[in-house]
Protein backbone atom coordinates (compact mmCIF):
# COMPACT_ATOMS: atom_id res chain seq x y z
CA UNK A 1 -14.17 6.60 33.63
CA UNK A 2 -15.38 4.79 30.51
CA UNK A 3 -11.79 4.25 29.44
CA UNK A 4 -10.94 2.73 32.80
CA UNK A 5 -13.94 0.43 32.62
CA UNK A 6 -12.99 -0.61 29.09
CA UNK A 7 -9.43 -1.31 30.20
CA UNK A 8 -10.69 -3.41 33.11
CA UNK A 9 -12.98 -5.37 30.79
CA UNK A 10 -9.98 -6.00 28.60
CA UNK A 11 -8.00 -7.25 31.57
CA UNK A 12 -10.82 -9.63 32.40
CA UNK A 13 -11.10 -10.89 28.83
CA UNK A 14 -7.34 -11.32 28.72
CA UNK A 15 -7.23 -13.32 31.96
CA UNK A 16 -7.60 -16.74 30.23
CA UNK A 17 -4.68 -15.84 27.97
CA UNK A 18 -2.63 -14.82 30.99
CA UNK A 19 -3.34 -18.14 32.70
CA UNK A 20 -2.27 -20.01 29.59
CA UNK A 21 0.89 -17.94 29.23
CA UNK A 22 2.09 -18.57 32.77
CA UNK A 23 3.29 -22.17 32.29
CA UNK A 24 4.73 -21.47 28.85
CA UNK A 25 6.55 -18.36 30.02
CA UNK A 26 7.99 -20.33 32.92
CA UNK A 27 9.17 -22.93 30.41
CA UNK A 28 10.89 -20.29 28.31
CA UNK A 29 12.63 -18.79 31.33
CA UNK A 30 13.69 -22.28 32.38
CA UNK A 31 15.13 -23.16 28.95
CA UNK A 32 16.81 -19.79 28.60
CA UNK A 33 18.62 -20.23 31.90
CA UNK A 34 19.65 -23.77 30.95
CA UNK A 35 21.20 -22.52 27.70
CA UNK A 36 23.32 -19.85 29.30
CA UNK A 37 21.07 -16.78 29.27
CA UNK A 38 21.03 -14.75 32.44
CA UNK A 39 17.93 -13.37 34.14
CA UNK A 40 18.31 -10.00 32.42
CA UNK A 41 18.78 -11.51 28.96
CA UNK A 42 15.83 -13.88 29.30
CA UNK A 43 13.59 -11.10 30.60
CA UNK A 44 14.61 -8.70 27.84
CA UNK A 45 13.82 -11.38 25.26
CA UNK A 46 10.25 -11.56 26.53
CA UNK A 47 9.94 -7.78 26.94
CA UNK A 48 11.23 -6.94 23.47
CA UNK A 49 10.18 -9.93 21.35
CA UNK A 50 7.01 -11.12 23.12
CA UNK A 51 6.55 -14.09 20.81
CA UNK A 52 6.65 -17.55 22.27
CA UNK A 53 7.37 -19.38 19.04
CA UNK A 54 10.12 -16.95 18.02
CA UNK A 55 11.71 -16.96 21.47
CA UNK A 56 11.82 -20.76 21.70
CA UNK A 57 13.25 -20.96 18.20
CA UNK A 58 15.83 -18.30 19.10
CA UNK A 59 16.99 -20.36 22.07
CA UNK A 60 17.26 -23.50 19.92
CA UNK A 61 19.22 -21.70 17.20
CA UNK A 62 21.65 -20.08 19.59
CA UNK A 63 22.15 -23.38 21.41
CA UNK A 64 23.01 -24.96 18.06
CA UNK A 65 25.58 -22.24 17.38
CA UNK A 66 23.64 -20.48 14.62
CA UNK A 67 24.79 -16.95 13.67
CA UNK A 68 22.83 -14.09 15.22
CA UNK A 69 21.88 -12.73 11.79
CA UNK A 70 20.37 -16.05 10.73
CA UNK A 71 18.47 -16.32 14.01
CA UNK A 72 17.12 -12.80 13.54
CA UNK A 73 15.97 -13.45 9.98
CA UNK A 74 14.21 -16.67 10.95
CA UNK A 75 12.44 -14.94 13.85
CA UNK A 76 11.23 -12.22 11.48
CA UNK A 77 10.03 -14.86 9.04
CA UNK A 78 8.21 -16.70 11.79
CA UNK A 79 6.44 -13.53 12.92
CA UNK A 80 5.47 -12.47 9.40
CA UNK A 81 2.01 -13.91 10.05
CA UNK A 82 1.29 -10.76 12.03
CA UNK A 83 1.16 -8.92 8.72
CA UNK A 84 -2.15 -10.74 8.30
CA UNK A 85 -3.36 -10.10 11.86
CA UNK A 86 -2.49 -6.42 12.14
CA UNK A 87 -4.58 -4.84 9.37
CA UNK A 88 -7.63 -6.89 10.33
CA UNK A 89 -7.55 -5.59 13.91
CA UNK A 90 -6.35 -2.06 13.12
CA UNK A 91 -9.30 -1.47 10.79
CA UNK A 92 -11.66 -1.92 13.76
CA UNK A 93 -9.83 0.33 16.24
CA UNK A 94 -10.33 4.11 15.91
CA UNK A 95 -6.91 5.23 17.13
CA UNK A 96 -4.03 7.31 15.70
CA UNK A 97 -1.10 5.59 14.05
CA UNK A 98 1.06 5.99 17.14
CA UNK A 99 -1.55 4.28 19.30
CA UNK A 100 -1.92 1.43 16.83
CA UNK A 101 1.87 1.05 16.73
CA UNK A 102 1.95 0.65 20.52
CA UNK A 103 -0.88 -1.88 20.44
CA UNK A 104 0.83 -3.83 17.66
CA UNK A 105 3.58 -4.92 20.04
CA UNK A 106 1.07 -6.77 22.20
CA UNK A 107 -0.62 -8.62 19.33
CA UNK A 108 -0.15 -12.37 19.61
CA UNK A 109 -2.02 -15.35 18.20
CA UNK A 110 -4.14 -15.66 21.34
CA UNK A 111 -4.78 -11.91 21.66
CA UNK A 112 -5.88 -11.89 18.03
CA UNK A 113 -8.27 -14.78 18.63
CA UNK A 114 -9.90 -13.00 21.60
CA UNK A 115 -10.07 -9.68 19.73
CA UNK A 116 -11.63 -11.35 16.74
CA UNK A 117 -14.51 -12.61 18.85
CA UNK A 118 -15.04 -9.68 21.25
CA UNK A 119 -13.63 -6.47 19.80
CA UNK A 120 -16.71 -5.61 17.73
CA UNK A 121 -18.89 -5.85 20.84
CA UNK A 122 -17.00 -2.93 22.42
CA UNK A 123 -18.10 0.69 21.80
CA UNK A 124 -15.78 2.09 19.09
CA UNK A 125 -14.32 4.82 21.32
CA UNK A 126 -13.44 2.26 24.00
CA UNK A 127 -11.84 -0.32 21.74
CA UNK A 128 -8.24 0.95 22.06
CA UNK A 129 -8.50 0.79 25.86
CA UNK A 130 -10.15 -2.62 25.83
CA UNK A 131 -7.42 -3.90 23.52
CA UNK A 132 -4.78 -2.40 25.80
CA UNK A 133 -6.32 -4.28 28.73
CA UNK A 134 -6.27 -7.63 26.93
CA UNK A 135 -2.67 -7.11 25.86
CA UNK A 136 -1.59 -5.92 29.32
CA UNK A 137 -2.91 -9.12 30.90
CA UNK A 138 -1.11 -11.28 28.34
CA UNK A 139 2.11 -9.27 28.32
CA UNK A 140 2.39 -9.00 32.08
CA UNK A 141 1.82 -12.73 32.54
CA UNK A 142 4.37 -13.64 29.87
CA UNK A 143 7.13 -11.40 31.18
CA UNK A 144 6.43 -12.28 34.82
CA UNK A 145 6.40 -16.00 34.07
CA UNK A 146 9.72 -15.68 32.24
CA UNK A 147 11.27 -14.15 35.34
CA UNK A 148 9.88 -16.96 37.50
CA UNK A 149 11.19 -19.61 35.12
CA UNK A 150 14.64 -18.06 34.94
CA UNK A 151 14.85 -17.81 38.72
CA UNK A 152 13.20 -21.08 39.77
CA UNK A 153 13.64 -23.31 36.72
CA UNK A 154 16.12 -25.67 38.32
CA UNK A 155 13.91 -26.06 41.38
CA UNK A 156 10.89 -26.88 39.17
CA UNK A 157 12.79 -29.58 37.28
CA UNK A 158 14.06 -31.20 40.47
CA UNK A 159 10.81 -30.98 42.41
CA UNK A 160 8.14 -31.41 39.71
CA UNK A 161 9.68 -33.28 36.75
CA UNK A 162 6.31 -34.34 35.29
CA UNK A 163 5.03 -30.76 35.39
CA UNK A 164 8.18 -29.54 33.67
CA UNK A 165 7.57 -31.98 30.80
CA UNK A 166 3.95 -30.86 30.42
CA UNK A 167 4.56 -27.10 30.44
CA UNK A 168 5.37 -26.69 26.72
CA UNK A 169 1.94 -28.06 25.73
CA UNK A 170 0.00 -25.33 27.55
CA UNK A 171 0.24 -22.74 24.77
CA UNK A 172 -0.94 -24.99 21.88
CA UNK A 173 -3.81 -26.20 24.07
CA UNK A 174 -4.82 -22.61 24.89
CA UNK A 175 -4.76 -21.54 21.25
CA UNK A 176 -6.78 -24.58 20.18
CA UNK A 177 -9.40 -23.72 22.80
CA UNK A 178 -9.64 -20.14 21.50
CA UNK A 179 -9.92 -21.26 17.87
CA UNK A 180 -12.59 -23.92 18.37
CA UNK A 181 -15.54 -21.45 18.36
CA UNK A 182 -14.60 -20.53 14.78
CA UNK A 183 -14.70 -24.13 13.59
CA UNK A 184 -17.85 -23.62 11.56
CA UNK A 185 -19.04 -23.48 7.98
CA UNK A 186 -17.03 -20.98 5.94
CA UNK A 187 -14.02 -21.17 8.24
CA UNK A 188 -13.73 -24.89 8.88
CA UNK A 189 -11.83 -25.59 5.67
CA UNK A 190 -9.38 -22.77 6.40
CA UNK A 191 -8.67 -24.04 9.92
CA UNK A 192 -8.19 -27.61 8.71
CA UNK A 193 -5.90 -26.40 5.92
CA UNK A 194 -3.79 -24.47 8.41
CA UNK A 195 -3.53 -27.38 10.84
CA UNK A 196 -2.67 -29.97 8.21
CA UNK A 197 -0.05 -27.83 6.50
CA UNK A 198 1.53 -26.76 9.78
CA UNK A 199 1.70 -30.33 11.05
CA UNK A 200 3.03 -31.73 7.78
CA UNK A 201 5.74 -29.11 7.32
CA UNK A 202 6.78 -29.36 10.97
CA UNK A 203 7.14 -33.14 10.74
CA UNK A 204 9.18 -32.65 7.57
CA UNK A 205 11.62 -30.46 9.49
CA UNK A 206 10.43 -27.01 8.36
CA UNK A 207 8.97 -25.76 11.63
CA UNK A 208 9.81 -22.09 11.09
CA UNK A 209 8.35 -21.95 7.57
CA UNK A 210 5.37 -24.07 8.62
CA UNK A 211 3.72 -21.31 10.64
CA UNK A 212 4.05 -18.71 7.89
CA UNK A 213 2.99 -20.95 4.99
CA UNK A 214 0.12 -22.56 6.90
CA UNK A 215 -1.16 -19.18 8.14
CA UNK A 216 -1.15 -17.65 4.65
CA UNK A 217 -2.81 -20.71 3.11
CA UNK A 218 -5.50 -20.84 5.79
CA UNK A 219 -6.20 -17.14 5.45
CA UNK A 220 -6.56 -17.48 1.68
CA UNK A 221 -8.99 -20.37 2.05
CA UNK A 222 -11.08 -18.36 4.51
CA UNK A 223 -10.90 -15.21 2.42
CA UNK A 224 -14.27 -13.98 1.19
CA UNK A 225 -15.01 -14.93 -2.35
CA UNK A 226 -12.29 -17.52 -2.90
CA UNK A 227 -13.61 -19.96 -5.53
CA UNK A 228 -13.09 -23.10 -3.46
CA UNK A 229 -15.04 -21.91 -0.41
CA UNK A 230 -18.66 -22.93 -0.38
CA UNK A 231 -19.70 -20.39 2.24
CA UNK A 232 -18.37 -16.88 2.61
CA UNK A 233 -17.13 -15.90 6.04
CA UNK A 234 -18.09 -12.61 7.61
């Protein structure tokens, strides 16, 4: 019973992520269908990869005629930031390695942000189930929205052209909203460092490397005890 309640709490805490994923997932399904991917291929991309940034980059690379191996390596590089997320969350979840491996597939930027703020408030024994609930809400919304976009993308463009243009901005707006509560002493410099580096490198044409480099730099700035941080984060 407690596990069910924890899972339901996780679903509720993951609902804002799910709402934010819906328009972006629809956008991915739409773009995938426009670039020659069928419904099955677009859906499998979301089921197996489950990374908005990597999936959008994959579509762009394939559309440009890039080799599959290069596309794969760049996607792995883009998702390397999860090497920073994973250990931080895993250390707080009392679960066997197999359970943590399953949960790792559902870890995204937004899931990490919610877990960072609410995971410690959950009873230790219920944390795996709460985390599973958050990830289920996000994962289900992303995959379902991809299917909708792949099936109804053309209709959306014809009927709601302004909405179609606005859809890609939903995910950055959602992540910014989740990060804002951490914009405080001890973390402010790290967030600003991440944003500035990511924006600068992206404008310079290094969008894939921007996420990795900016994430590592921001994490180092926020890291406890770094000499240039005036306040240690906890």
